[in-house]
N, C-alpha and C. Protein backbone atom coordinates (compact mmCIF):
# COMPACT_ATOMS: atom_id res chain seq x y z
N MET A 1 4.37 21.37 9.03
CA MET A 1 3.37 21.38 9.12
C MET A 1 2.51 20.06 9.11
N ASN A 2 1.85 19.39 10.12
CA ASN A 2 1.61 18.02 9.69
C ASN A 2 -0.35 17.68 9.99
N LEU A 3 -0.68 17.36 9.32
CA LEU A 3 -1.95 17.42 8.83
C LEU A 3 -2.26 15.39 8.58
N GLU A 4 -3.90 15.31 9.40
CA GLU A 4 -4.28 13.92 9.17
C GLU A 4 -5.45 13.94 8.46
N THR A 5 -6.02 12.71 8.15
CA THR A 5 -7.77 12.27 8.50
C THR A 5 -8.11 10.88 9.50
N LYS A 6 -9.44 11.57 9.55
CA LYS A 6 -10.04 10.02 10.11
C LYS A 6 -9.38 8.65 9.28
N LYS A 7 -9.40 7.89 9.88
CA LYS A 7 -9.13 6.67 9.16
C LYS A 7 -10.67 6.23 8.47
N SER A 8 -10.69 5.56 7.65
CA SER A 8 -11.49 5.33 6.67
C SER A 8 -11.57 4.20 6.00
N VAL A 9 -12.59 2.80 6.17
CA VAL A 9 -12.50 1.38 5.71
C VAL A 9 -13.43 1.90 4.34
N ILE A 10 -12.33 0.81 3.43
CA ILE A 10 -11.84 0.75 2.25
C ILE A 10 -12.82 -0.31 1.88
N ASN A 11 -13.72 -1.00 1.03
CA ASN A 11 -14.36 -2.21 0.72
C ASN A 11 -13.51 -3.02 -0.12
N LYS A 12 -12.19 -2.77 -0.63
CA LYS A 12 -11.48 -3.73 -1.26
C LYS A 12 -10.54 -4.33 -0.19
N SER A 13 -9.69 -5.31 -0.74
CA SER A 13 -8.62 -6.00 0.16
C SER A 13 -7.56 -4.87 0.09
N GLN A 14 -6.09 -4.85 0.97
CA GLN A 14 -5.47 -4.56 0.94
C GLN A 14 -4.47 -4.10 -0.34
N LYS A 15 -4.44 -5.56 -0.44
CA LYS A 15 -3.50 -5.51 -1.72
C LYS A 15 -4.41 -4.78 -3.20
N GLU A 16 -5.56 -5.05 -3.35
CA GLU A 16 -6.43 -4.54 -4.18
C GLU A 16 -6.65 -2.69 -4.05
N PHE A 17 -6.79 -1.94 -2.92
CA PHE A 17 -6.70 -0.77 -2.49
C PHE A 17 -4.86 -0.67 -2.62
N PHE A 18 -3.93 -0.95 -2.05
CA PHE A 18 -3.01 0.06 -2.44
C PHE A 18 -2.56 -0.25 -4.21
N ASP A 19 -2.97 -1.56 -4.72
CA ASP A 19 -2.93 -1.88 -6.53
C ASP A 19 -3.60 -0.37 -7.47
N PHE A 20 -4.88 0.08 -6.74
CA PHE A 20 -5.65 1.09 -6.68
C PHE A 20 -5.19 2.30 -6.89
N LEU A 21 -4.48 2.39 -5.67
CA LEU A 21 -3.75 3.82 -5.23
C LEU A 21 -2.34 3.76 -6.38
N SER A 22 -1.60 2.63 -6.49
CA SER A 22 -0.68 2.65 -7.44
C SER A 22 -0.15 2.84 -9.28
N ASP A 23 -1.94 2.98 -9.31
CA ASP A 23 -2.46 3.24 -10.66
C ASP A 23 -2.79 5.22 -10.45
N LEU A 24 -1.88 5.57 -10.62
CA LEU A 24 -2.50 6.82 -10.44
C LEU A 24 -3.60 7.91 -11.02
N ASN A 25 -3.78 6.86 -12.33
CA ASN A 25 -4.88 7.74 -12.96
C ASN A 25 -6.34 6.99 -12.11
N ASN A 26 -6.64 6.29 -11.14
CA ASN A 26 -7.27 6.41 -10.32
C ASN A 26 -7.47 7.13 -8.97
N PHE A 27 -6.94 8.26 -8.88
CA PHE A 27 -6.72 9.24 -8.09
C PHE A 27 -7.96 10.20 -8.98
N LYS A 28 -7.90 10.00 -10.01
CA LYS A 28 -9.44 11.28 -10.36
C LYS A 28 -10.47 10.63 -9.73
N GLN A 29 -10.75 9.34 -9.91
CA GLN A 29 -12.09 8.81 -8.99
C GLN A 29 -12.53 9.61 -7.47
N LEU A 30 -10.86 9.87 -6.61
CA LEU A 30 -10.61 10.34 -5.44
C LEU A 30 -10.97 11.75 -5.33
N MET A 31 -10.63 12.32 -6.38
CA MET A 31 -10.25 14.32 -6.38
C MET A 31 -11.81 15.28 -6.34
N PRO A 32 -11.45 16.26 -5.62
CA PRO A 32 -12.98 16.74 -5.20
C PRO A 32 -13.73 17.19 -6.50
N GLU A 33 -15.08 17.37 -6.56
CA GLU A 33 -15.61 17.51 -7.17
C GLU A 33 -14.74 19.41 -8.22
N ASN A 34 -14.60 20.17 -7.83
CA ASN A 34 -14.08 21.19 -8.09
C ASN A 34 -12.76 20.69 -9.00
N THR A 35 -12.27 19.93 -9.37
CA THR A 35 -11.23 19.63 -9.84
C THR A 35 -11.32 20.56 -10.93
N ASP A 36 -10.56 21.22 -11.39
CA ASP A 36 -10.24 21.64 -13.02
C ASP A 36 -9.45 21.18 -13.66
N LYS A 37 -8.44 20.02 -13.50
CA LYS A 37 -7.28 19.69 -14.61
C LYS A 37 -7.06 18.47 -13.73
N PHE A 38 -6.96 17.31 -14.36
CA PHE A 38 -6.20 16.10 -13.77
C PHE A 38 -5.58 15.32 -14.89
N GLU A 39 -4.44 15.15 -14.76
CA GLU A 39 -3.32 15.01 -16.39
C GLU A 39 -2.59 14.13 -15.45
N VAL A 40 -2.35 12.73 -15.82
CA VAL A 40 -1.09 11.64 -15.23
C VAL A 40 0.05 11.67 -16.20
N ASP A 41 1.25 11.49 -15.81
CA ASP A 41 2.32 11.64 -16.54
C ASP A 41 3.45 10.42 -15.76
N GLY A 42 3.60 9.25 -16.43
CA GLY A 42 3.79 8.12 -15.67
C GLY A 42 3.88 8.21 -14.27
N ASP A 43 5.31 7.92 -13.66
CA ASP A 43 4.96 8.33 -12.35
C ASP A 43 4.44 9.06 -11.59
N SER A 44 4.04 10.26 -11.62
CA SER A 44 3.37 11.86 -11.60
C SER A 44 2.01 12.14 -12.07
N PHE A 45 1.70 12.46 -11.41
CA PHE A 45 -0.11 13.39 -12.18
C PHE A 45 -0.10 15.06 -11.61
N ILE A 46 -0.82 15.62 -12.40
CA ILE A 46 -1.00 16.90 -12.10
C ILE A 46 -2.19 17.22 -11.88
N PHE A 47 -2.65 18.18 -10.60
CA PHE A 47 -4.02 18.60 -10.98
C PHE A 47 -4.21 20.22 -10.16
N SER A 48 -5.36 20.83 -10.50
CA SER A 48 -5.60 22.20 -10.29
C SER A 48 -6.91 21.72 -9.94
N LEU A 49 -7.16 22.89 -8.75
CA LEU A 49 -8.58 22.97 -8.50
C LEU A 49 -9.22 24.62 -9.03
N LYS A 50 -10.61 24.51 -8.37
CA LYS A 50 -10.63 26.18 -9.02
C LYS A 50 -10.16 26.82 -8.05
N GLY A 51 -9.35 27.95 -8.46
CA GLY A 51 -8.98 28.85 -7.89
C GLY A 51 -7.80 28.71 -7.25
N MET A 52 -7.00 27.54 -7.67
CA MET A 52 -5.83 26.97 -7.12
C MET A 52 -4.59 26.94 -7.89
N PRO A 53 -2.89 27.14 -8.03
CA PRO A 53 -2.09 26.92 -8.83
C PRO A 53 -2.53 25.45 -8.87
N GLU A 54 -1.83 25.14 -10.33
CA GLU A 54 -1.45 23.84 -10.26
C GLU A 54 -0.42 23.36 -9.15
N ILE A 55 -0.94 21.91 -9.29
CA ILE A 55 0.20 21.14 -8.06
C ILE A 55 0.58 19.53 -8.69
N ARG A 56 2.18 19.20 -9.06
CA ARG A 56 2.33 17.94 -9.44
C ARG A 56 2.82 16.92 -8.23
N LEU A 57 2.58 16.04 -8.32
CA LEU A 57 2.71 14.76 -7.44
C LEU A 57 3.42 13.97 -7.82
N VAL A 58 4.13 13.42 -7.21
CA VAL A 58 4.97 11.84 -7.87
C VAL A 58 4.79 11.14 -6.73
N ILE A 59 5.33 9.80 -7.07
CA ILE A 59 5.27 8.52 -6.00
C ILE A 59 6.82 8.83 -6.02
N LYS A 60 6.83 9.07 -4.29
CA LYS A 60 8.55 8.91 -3.71
C LYS A 60 8.60 7.54 -3.48
N GLU A 61 7.88 7.18 -2.78
CA GLU A 61 8.06 5.71 -2.39
C GLU A 61 6.44 4.63 -2.44
N LYS A 62 6.89 3.63 -2.31
CA LYS A 62 6.00 2.46 -1.85
C LYS A 62 6.55 1.19 -1.17
N GLN A 63 5.63 1.11 -0.69
CA GLN A 63 6.01 -0.35 0.59
C GLN A 63 4.53 -0.94 0.14
N GLU A 64 5.17 -1.85 -0.21
CA GLU A 64 3.28 -3.11 -0.47
C GLU A 64 3.65 -4.10 0.99
N PHE A 65 2.29 -3.86 1.11
CA PHE A 65 0.87 -3.41 0.60
C PHE A 65 0.66 -2.50 1.28
N ASP A 66 1.03 -2.01 1.98
CA ASP A 66 0.32 -1.04 2.78
C ASP A 66 1.01 0.75 3.48
N LYS A 67 1.44 1.35 2.18
CA LYS A 67 2.07 2.74 1.78
C LYS A 67 2.61 3.20 0.83
N ILE A 68 2.30 4.21 0.53
CA ILE A 68 2.18 5.05 -0.48
C ILE A 68 2.37 6.60 -0.54
N VAL A 69 3.73 7.04 -0.65
CA VAL A 69 4.09 8.15 -0.52
C VAL A 69 3.83 8.56 -1.69
N LEU A 70 3.31 9.95 -1.53
CA LEU A 70 3.38 10.86 -2.74
C LEU A 70 4.26 11.97 -2.26
N GLY A 71 4.79 12.76 -3.55
CA GLY A 71 5.69 14.13 -2.89
C GLY A 71 5.17 15.05 -3.77
N ALA A 72 5.64 16.31 -3.66
CA ALA A 72 5.48 17.19 -4.76
C ALA A 72 6.82 17.21 -5.70
N ALA A 73 6.43 17.38 -6.58
CA ALA A 73 7.30 17.51 -7.91
C ALA A 73 8.22 18.46 -7.92
N SER A 74 8.07 20.12 -7.29
CA SER A 74 8.93 21.05 -7.36
C SER A 74 9.51 21.20 -6.30
N SER A 75 10.72 21.68 -6.19
CA SER A 75 11.31 21.93 -4.74
C SER A 75 11.30 22.92 -4.43
N LYS A 76 10.31 24.33 -5.18
CA LYS A 76 9.53 25.47 -3.91
C LYS A 76 8.88 24.85 -3.47
N LEU A 77 8.20 23.64 -3.10
CA LEU A 77 7.24 23.07 -2.30
C LEU A 77 7.73 22.16 -1.62
N ASN A 78 8.16 22.02 -0.37
CA ASN A 78 8.18 20.71 0.26
C ASN A 78 7.42 20.13 1.04
N PHE A 79 6.96 19.07 0.27
CA PHE A 79 5.98 18.56 1.11
C PHE A 79 5.48 16.85 0.83
N SER A 80 4.96 15.86 1.78
CA SER A 80 4.20 14.80 1.43
C SER A 80 3.54 14.20 1.52
N LEU A 81 2.97 13.59 0.89
CA LEU A 81 1.03 12.94 1.38
C LEU A 81 1.53 11.64 1.15
N THR A 82 1.14 10.73 2.41
CA THR A 82 1.27 9.40 2.73
C THR A 82 0.16 8.49 3.31
N ALA A 83 -0.22 7.60 2.17
CA ALA A 83 -1.39 6.87 2.28
C ALA A 83 -1.61 5.67 3.26
N ASN A 84 -1.52 5.51 4.00
CA ASN A 84 -1.38 4.55 5.34
C ASN A 84 -2.34 3.47 5.24
N ILE A 85 -2.15 1.83 5.05
CA ILE A 85 -3.28 1.06 4.21
C ILE A 85 -2.92 -0.42 5.31
N LEU A 86 -3.71 -0.39 5.85
CA LEU A 86 -3.91 -1.65 6.90
C LEU A 86 -5.35 -2.47 6.43
N PRO A 87 -5.13 -3.82 6.65
CA PRO A 87 -5.77 -4.51 6.22
C PRO A 87 -6.94 -4.85 7.67
N ILE A 88 -8.24 -5.31 7.41
CA ILE A 88 -9.38 -5.59 8.43
C ILE A 88 -9.56 -6.88 8.02
N THR A 89 -10.11 -7.28 7.01
CA THR A 89 -10.58 -8.59 6.43
C THR A 89 -9.61 -8.85 5.39
N ASP A 90 -10.40 -9.69 4.71
CA ASP A 90 -9.52 -10.17 3.01
C ASP A 90 -10.14 -9.72 2.38
N ASN A 91 -11.73 -8.91 2.68
CA ASN A 91 -12.14 -7.95 1.73
C ASN A 91 -12.25 -6.41 1.75
N SER A 92 -11.35 -6.10 2.94
CA SER A 92 -11.38 -4.78 3.64
C SER A 92 -10.61 -4.27 4.03
N CYS A 93 -10.09 -3.00 3.68
CA CYS A 93 -8.87 -2.59 4.66
C CYS A 93 -9.51 -0.89 5.15
N GLU A 94 -8.46 -0.85 5.78
CA GLU A 94 -8.76 1.05 6.29
C GLU A 94 -7.68 1.66 5.99
N THR A 95 -7.72 2.85 5.53
CA THR A 95 -7.02 3.44 5.09
C THR A 95 -6.92 5.10 5.28
N GLN A 96 -5.83 5.91 5.79
CA GLN A 96 -5.62 7.19 6.70
C GLN A 96 -4.61 8.02 5.72
N LEU A 97 -4.57 9.22 5.53
CA LEU A 97 -3.84 9.90 4.42
C LEU A 97 -3.24 10.75 6.08
N LEU A 98 -1.60 10.99 5.47
CA LEU A 98 -1.21 12.28 6.44
C LEU A 98 -0.07 13.04 5.52
N PHE A 99 -0.12 14.52 5.90
CA PHE A 99 0.21 15.70 4.92
C PHE A 99 0.83 16.09 5.91
N ASN A 100 2.69 16.15 5.30
CA ASN A 100 3.82 16.30 5.83
C ASN A 100 4.26 17.60 4.84
N GLY A 101 4.11 18.93 5.75
CA GLY A 101 4.79 20.29 4.67
C GLY A 101 5.46 21.12 5.75
N ASP A 102 6.48 21.60 4.53
CA ASP A 102 7.70 22.29 5.46
C ASP A 102 7.41 23.75 4.99
N PHE A 103 6.19 24.44 5.59
CA PHE A 103 6.09 26.15 5.04
C PHE A 103 6.10 27.06 6.27
N ASN A 104 6.56 27.89 5.78
CA ASN A 104 6.67 29.50 6.89
C ASN A 104 5.28 29.31 7.23
N PRO A 105 5.56 30.12 8.59
CA PRO A 105 3.99 29.88 9.37
C PRO A 105 3.10 30.57 8.32
N MET A 106 2.94 31.96 7.53
CA MET A 106 2.17 32.41 7.10
C MET A 106 1.51 32.03 6.20
N MET A 107 2.27 30.61 4.90
CA MET A 107 1.56 30.21 4.26
C MET A 107 1.16 29.02 5.16
N ALA A 108 1.90 28.32 5.81
CA ALA A 108 0.98 27.57 7.11
C ALA A 108 -0.38 27.86 7.16
N MET A 109 -0.48 28.87 7.48
CA MET A 109 -1.64 29.60 8.09
C MET A 109 -3.01 30.04 6.73
N MET A 110 -2.23 30.05 5.73
CA MET A 110 -3.11 30.32 4.40
C MET A 110 -3.85 28.54 3.86
N VAL A 111 -2.44 28.44 3.74
CA VAL A 111 -3.07 26.55 2.82
C VAL A 111 -3.65 25.38 3.94
N LYS A 112 -3.66 25.52 5.69
CA LYS A 112 -3.99 24.94 6.34
C LYS A 112 -5.66 23.89 6.43
N SER A 113 -6.16 25.00 6.54
CA SER A 113 -7.95 25.04 5.91
C SER A 113 -8.10 24.16 4.58
N PRO A 114 -7.65 24.79 3.42
CA PRO A 114 -7.71 24.19 2.32
C PRO A 114 -7.47 22.79 2.38
N LEU A 115 -6.07 22.91 2.42
CA LEU A 115 -5.32 21.13 2.53
C LEU A 115 -6.10 20.38 3.48
N GLN A 116 -6.66 20.68 4.97
CA GLN A 116 -7.59 19.57 5.28
C GLN A 116 -8.60 18.85 4.93
N LYS A 117 -8.96 19.95 4.09
CA LYS A 117 -10.38 19.69 3.42
C LYS A 117 -10.29 18.81 2.16
N PHE A 118 -9.45 19.15 1.54
CA PHE A 118 -8.80 18.15 0.47
C PHE A 118 -8.33 17.03 0.84
N ILE A 119 -7.52 16.59 1.83
CA ILE A 119 -7.16 15.85 2.07
C ILE A 119 -8.60 14.67 3.11
N ASP A 120 -8.86 15.14 3.57
CA ASP A 120 -10.50 14.58 3.95
C ASP A 120 -11.38 14.09 2.82
N THR A 121 -11.45 14.55 1.93
CA THR A 121 -12.57 14.77 0.89
C THR A 121 -11.52 13.30 -0.08
N LEU A 122 -10.41 13.60 -0.43
CA LEU A 122 -9.33 11.99 -1.21
C LEU A 122 -10.28 10.75 0.14
N THR A 123 -10.23 10.73 1.39
CA THR A 123 -10.42 10.01 2.36
C THR A 123 -11.87 9.60 1.83
N ASP A 124 -12.45 10.45 2.51
CA ASP A 124 -13.87 10.19 2.29
C ASP A 124 -14.60 9.29 0.38
N ASN A 125 -13.66 10.11 -0.22
CA ASN A 125 -14.16 9.38 -1.41
C ASN A 125 -13.66 8.13 -1.82
N ALA A 126 -12.66 7.56 -1.15
CA ALA A 126 -11.96 6.26 -1.15
C ALA A 126 -13.16 5.84 -0.22
N GLY A 127 -13.54 5.62 0.45
CA GLY A 127 -14.50 5.37 1.35
C GLY A 127 -15.19 4.69 0.06
N LYS A 128 -15.97 5.57 -0.48
CA LYS A 128 -17.06 5.45 -1.29
C LYS A 128 -16.79 4.50 -2.39
N LEU A 129 -15.76 4.13 -2.08
CA LEU A 129 -15.15 2.89 -3.63
C LEU A 129 -15.86 1.50 -3.61
């Protein structure tokens, strides 16, 4: 299953936004309002939204200054969330989130809409920085 957000303009340079996302504590600012739990532990963070199970994301790859890939810490769920960061000017950049998950058809049908809403919220909140 592949999902993507619309591209969003960020009022930070490409390097500033890359550094912002590299500090996992900053993801708390991007999370939806219905976040029940958010804890950072080294190169990973765990979060849960109301009514949803906890999910741990780990930094899988960093490509200065244009890409950060987060992935599931558990082998039970195989997915990645990629933030692509493109420069626009010295003081702004554009970002887009790409979700790639390997789910069975029934699971994909159940999680597609909530996942799309979740990654759209992350991108929208990044645009408000």
